[in-house]
Amino acid sequence: MDNIEVKVPESEDVDSFTITFWHCGEGDVILEGGDLLELSTEKTTFNIVAPCSGKVIELKHDEGSVVKPGDIVAILEKSEVKDE
């Protein structure tokens, strides 16, 4: 199985984000495009979605943590997931 690193997107305008909410936990199965976490800045809030279907292996930061563009926030184990 392939492990996929989920990173904070690059931004020209913002140098840090706060993780405000995790939509999943370690060990959860998630579908590609499903919400992983919510990030916020002083001006906006948005979700980061799963780049692939699979299992959440590791969450690298807790809610309330400040992260920078390019930081790894989660590790997913890519696998086939049936939508039930």
N, C-alpha and C. Protein backbone atom coordinates (compact mmCIF):
# COMPACT_ATOMS: atom_id res chain seq x y z
N MET A 1 0.83 -1.19 0.00
CA MET A 1 0.00 0.00 0.00
C MET A 1 0.88 1.25 0.00
N ASP A 2 0.38 2.26 -0.66
CA ASP A 2 1.11 3.53 -0.71
C ASP A 2 0.63 4.45 0.40
N ASN A 3 1.59 5.10 1.06
CA ASN A 3 1.25 6.13 2.04
C ASN A 3 1.33 7.49 1.38
N ILE A 4 0.32 8.32 1.61
CA ILE A 4 0.21 9.63 0.99
C ILE A 4 0.30 10.69 2.09
N GLU A 5 1.18 11.66 1.89
CA GLU A 5 1.29 12.79 2.82
C GLU A 5 0.31 13.88 2.41
N VAL A 6 -0.51 14.32 3.35
CA VAL A 6 -1.43 15.43 3.09
C VAL A 6 -0.76 16.68 3.64
N LYS A 7 -0.60 17.69 2.78
CA LYS A 7 0.12 18.90 3.17
C LYS A 7 -0.80 20.12 3.14
N VAL A 8 -0.43 21.12 3.94
CA VAL A 8 -1.12 22.41 3.90
C VAL A 8 -0.83 23.03 2.54
N PRO A 9 -1.86 23.53 1.85
CA PRO A 9 -1.61 24.11 0.52
C PRO A 9 -0.72 25.35 0.59
N GLU A 10 0.03 25.54 -0.48
CA GLU A 10 0.87 26.74 -0.60
C GLU A 10 -0.03 27.96 -0.77
N SER A 11 0.40 29.08 -0.21
CA SER A 11 -0.38 30.32 -0.31
C SER A 11 0.56 31.50 -0.40
N GLU A 12 0.30 32.39 -1.35
CA GLU A 12 1.12 33.59 -1.47
C GLU A 12 0.74 34.63 -0.42
N ASP A 13 -0.51 34.57 0.05
CA ASP A 13 -1.03 35.61 0.94
C ASP A 13 -0.92 35.27 2.42
N VAL A 14 -0.82 33.99 2.77
CA VAL A 14 -0.90 33.57 4.17
C VAL A 14 0.33 32.76 4.53
N ASP A 15 0.93 33.06 5.69
CA ASP A 15 2.11 32.30 6.10
C ASP A 15 1.82 31.30 7.22
N SER A 16 0.59 31.31 7.76
CA SER A 16 0.22 30.30 8.76
C SER A 16 -1.29 30.12 8.82
N PHE A 17 -1.70 28.93 9.21
CA PHE A 17 -3.11 28.57 9.35
C PHE A 17 -3.29 27.90 10.72
N THR A 18 -4.51 27.93 11.22
CA THR A 18 -4.83 27.21 12.46
C THR A 18 -5.74 26.05 12.11
N ILE A 19 -5.41 24.86 12.65
CA ILE A 19 -6.30 23.71 12.48
C ILE A 19 -7.46 23.89 13.45
N THR A 20 -8.65 24.11 12.91
CA THR A 20 -9.80 24.37 13.77
C THR A 20 -10.63 23.13 14.04
N PHE A 21 -10.57 22.13 13.14
CA PHE A 21 -11.39 20.93 13.35
C PHE A 21 -10.89 19.79 12.48
N TRP A 22 -10.77 18.60 13.06
CA TRP A 22 -10.51 17.38 12.30
C TRP A 22 -11.84 16.70 12.03
N HIS A 23 -12.11 16.37 10.77
CA HIS A 23 -13.34 15.66 10.40
C HIS A 23 -13.16 14.15 10.52
N CYS A 24 -11.97 13.70 10.88
CA CYS A 24 -11.67 12.27 10.96
C CYS A 24 -10.67 12.04 12.09
N GLY A 25 -10.44 10.78 12.39
CA GLY A 25 -9.46 10.42 13.40
C GLY A 25 -8.55 9.33 12.87
N GLU A 26 -7.49 9.05 13.59
CA GLU A 26 -6.58 7.98 13.18
C GLU A 26 -7.34 6.66 13.15
N GLY A 27 -7.12 5.90 12.09
CA GLY A 27 -7.80 4.62 11.92
C GLY A 27 -9.08 4.72 11.11
N ASP A 28 -9.59 5.93 10.91
CA ASP A 28 -10.81 6.11 10.11
C ASP A 28 -10.54 5.83 8.64
N VAL A 29 -11.58 5.39 7.95
CA VAL A 29 -11.51 5.21 6.50
C VAL A 29 -12.20 6.42 5.87
N ILE A 30 -11.57 6.96 4.83
CA ILE A 30 -12.10 8.16 4.19
C ILE A 30 -12.11 7.97 2.68
N LEU A 31 -13.09 8.57 2.03
CA LEU A 31 -13.18 8.52 0.58
C LEU A 31 -12.46 9.71 -0.04
N GLU A 32 -11.93 9.51 -1.23
CA GLU A 32 -11.30 10.61 -1.96
C GLU A 32 -12.28 11.78 -2.07
N GLY A 33 -11.82 12.97 -1.74
CA GLY A 33 -12.65 14.16 -1.80
C GLY A 33 -13.42 14.43 -0.51
N GLY A 34 -13.34 13.50 0.44
CA GLY A 34 -14.00 13.70 1.73
C GLY A 34 -13.23 14.69 2.59
N ASP A 35 -13.95 15.43 3.43
CA ASP A 35 -13.30 16.42 4.28
C ASP A 35 -12.39 15.76 5.30
N LEU A 36 -11.14 16.23 5.36
CA LEU A 36 -10.17 15.76 6.35
C LEU A 36 -10.10 16.69 7.55
N LEU A 37 -9.84 17.98 7.27
CA LEU A 37 -9.68 18.95 8.34
C LEU A 37 -10.09 20.33 7.88
N GLU A 38 -10.33 21.18 8.87
CA GLU A 38 -10.69 22.56 8.60
C GLU A 38 -9.54 23.45 9.04
N LEU A 39 -9.14 24.36 8.17
CA LEU A 39 -8.09 25.33 8.47
C LEU A 39 -8.71 26.72 8.48
N SER A 40 -8.15 27.61 9.31
CA SER A 40 -8.65 28.98 9.31
C SER A 40 -7.50 29.96 9.38
N THR A 41 -7.81 31.16 8.91
CA THR A 41 -6.93 32.32 9.03
C THR A 41 -7.78 33.41 9.67
N GLU A 42 -7.21 34.60 9.79
CA GLU A 42 -8.00 35.71 10.33
C GLU A 42 -9.18 36.05 9.44
N LYS A 43 -9.08 35.73 8.15
CA LYS A 43 -10.10 36.17 7.19
C LYS A 43 -10.99 35.06 6.65
N THR A 44 -10.56 33.81 6.72
CA THR A 44 -11.33 32.75 6.06
C THR A 44 -11.16 31.40 6.76
N THR A 45 -12.09 30.51 6.47
CA THR A 45 -12.04 29.12 6.94
C THR A 45 -12.33 28.23 5.73
N PHE A 46 -11.58 27.13 5.60
CA PHE A 46 -11.81 26.22 4.49
C PHE A 46 -11.40 24.81 4.88
N ASN A 47 -11.90 23.83 4.11
CA ASN A 47 -11.59 22.43 4.36
C ASN A 47 -10.50 21.93 3.43
N ILE A 48 -9.70 21.02 3.94
CA ILE A 48 -8.76 20.25 3.14
C ILE A 48 -9.41 18.89 2.93
N VAL A 49 -9.43 18.42 1.70
CA VAL A 49 -10.07 17.14 1.39
C VAL A 49 -9.02 16.06 1.15
N ALA A 50 -9.46 14.82 1.28
CA ALA A 50 -8.58 13.68 1.06
C ALA A 50 -8.20 13.59 -0.41
N PRO A 51 -6.89 13.48 -0.72
CA PRO A 51 -6.45 13.37 -2.11
C PRO A 51 -6.68 11.98 -2.68
N CYS A 52 -7.02 11.00 -1.80
CA CYS A 52 -7.25 9.63 -2.23
C CYS A 52 -8.15 8.95 -1.20
N SER A 53 -8.67 7.80 -1.57
CA SER A 53 -9.42 7.00 -0.61
C SER A 53 -8.44 6.14 0.18
N GLY A 54 -8.77 5.88 1.44
CA GLY A 54 -7.91 5.02 2.24
C GLY A 54 -8.14 5.20 3.72
N LYS A 55 -7.16 4.78 4.49
CA LYS A 55 -7.23 4.82 5.95
C LYS A 55 -6.32 5.92 6.47
N VAL A 56 -6.81 6.64 7.49
CA VAL A 56 -6.02 7.68 8.13
C VAL A 56 -5.03 6.99 9.06
N ILE A 57 -3.74 7.07 8.74
CA ILE A 57 -2.69 6.42 9.53
C ILE A 57 -2.25 7.31 10.69
N GLU A 58 -2.07 8.60 10.40
CA GLU A 58 -1.54 9.50 11.44
C GLU A 58 -2.02 10.93 11.21
N LEU A 59 -2.45 11.57 12.30
CA LEU A 59 -2.72 13.00 12.30
C LEU A 59 -1.52 13.65 12.95
N LYS A 60 -0.85 14.55 12.25
CA LYS A 60 0.42 15.12 12.71
C LYS A 60 0.26 16.28 13.69
N HIS A 61 -0.93 16.89 13.74
CA HIS A 61 -1.15 18.07 14.59
C HIS A 61 -2.52 17.99 15.25
N ASP A 62 -2.64 18.58 16.42
CA ASP A 62 -3.92 18.64 17.12
C ASP A 62 -4.72 19.85 16.67
N GLU A 63 -6.03 19.82 17.00
CA GLU A 63 -6.85 21.01 16.77
C GLU A 63 -6.25 22.15 17.58
N GLY A 64 -6.24 23.34 16.99
CA GLY A 64 -5.64 24.51 17.64
C GLY A 64 -4.20 24.74 17.26
N SER A 65 -3.57 23.76 16.61
CA SER A 65 -2.17 23.91 16.19
C SER A 65 -2.07 24.88 15.03
N VAL A 66 -0.96 25.62 15.00
CA VAL A 66 -0.66 26.53 13.90
C VAL A 66 0.29 25.80 12.95
N VAL A 67 -0.09 25.78 11.66
CA VAL A 67 0.72 25.11 10.64
C VAL A 67 1.03 26.09 9.52
N LYS A 68 2.07 25.78 8.78
CA LYS A 68 2.52 26.65 7.68
C LYS A 68 2.30 25.94 6.35
N PRO A 69 2.20 26.70 5.26
CA PRO A 69 2.09 26.07 3.94
C PRO A 69 3.21 25.06 3.72
N GLY A 70 2.84 23.89 3.21
CA GLY A 70 3.82 22.83 2.97
C GLY A 70 3.98 21.85 4.12
N ASP A 71 3.49 22.21 5.32
CA ASP A 71 3.58 21.29 6.46
C ASP A 71 2.72 20.05 6.21
N ILE A 72 3.22 18.90 6.62
CA ILE A 72 2.45 17.66 6.54
C ILE A 72 1.48 17.63 7.72
N VAL A 73 0.19 17.43 7.43
CA VAL A 73 -0.81 17.40 8.50
C VAL A 73 -1.35 16.01 8.76
N ALA A 74 -1.28 15.12 7.76
CA ALA A 74 -1.80 13.77 7.94
C ALA A 74 -1.11 12.81 6.99
N ILE A 75 -1.14 11.52 7.37
CA ILE A 75 -0.64 10.45 6.50
C ILE A 75 -1.82 9.51 6.24
N LEU A 76 -2.07 9.25 4.96
CA LEU A 76 -3.13 8.32 4.56
C LEU A 76 -2.50 7.09 3.93
N GLU A 77 -3.09 5.93 4.20
CA GLU A 77 -2.70 4.71 3.51
C GLU A 77 -3.69 4.53 2.36
N LYS A 78 -3.22 4.73 1.16
CA LYS A 78 -4.08 4.67 -0.02
C LYS A 78 -4.59 3.24 -0.22
N SER A 79 -5.90 3.10 -0.38
CA SER A 79 -6.47 1.79 -0.64
C SER A 79 -7.84 1.96 -1.29
N GLU A 80 -8.33 0.86 -1.85
CA GLU A 80 -9.67 0.89 -2.45
C GLU A 80 -10.69 0.88 -1.31
N VAL A 81 -11.63 1.80 -1.37
CA VAL A 81 -12.67 1.88 -0.35
C VAL A 81 -14.01 1.85 -1.07
N LYS A 82 -14.88 0.96 -0.59
CA LYS A 82 -16.21 0.89 -1.18
C LYS A 82 -17.12 1.88 -0.50
N ASP A 83 -17.84 2.65 -1.29
CA ASP A 83 -18.80 3.62 -0.77
C ASP A 83 -20.07 2.86 -0.39
N GLU A 84 -20.33 2.82 0.90
CA GLU A 84 -21.49 2.01 1.37
C GLU A 84 -22.72 2.86 1.49
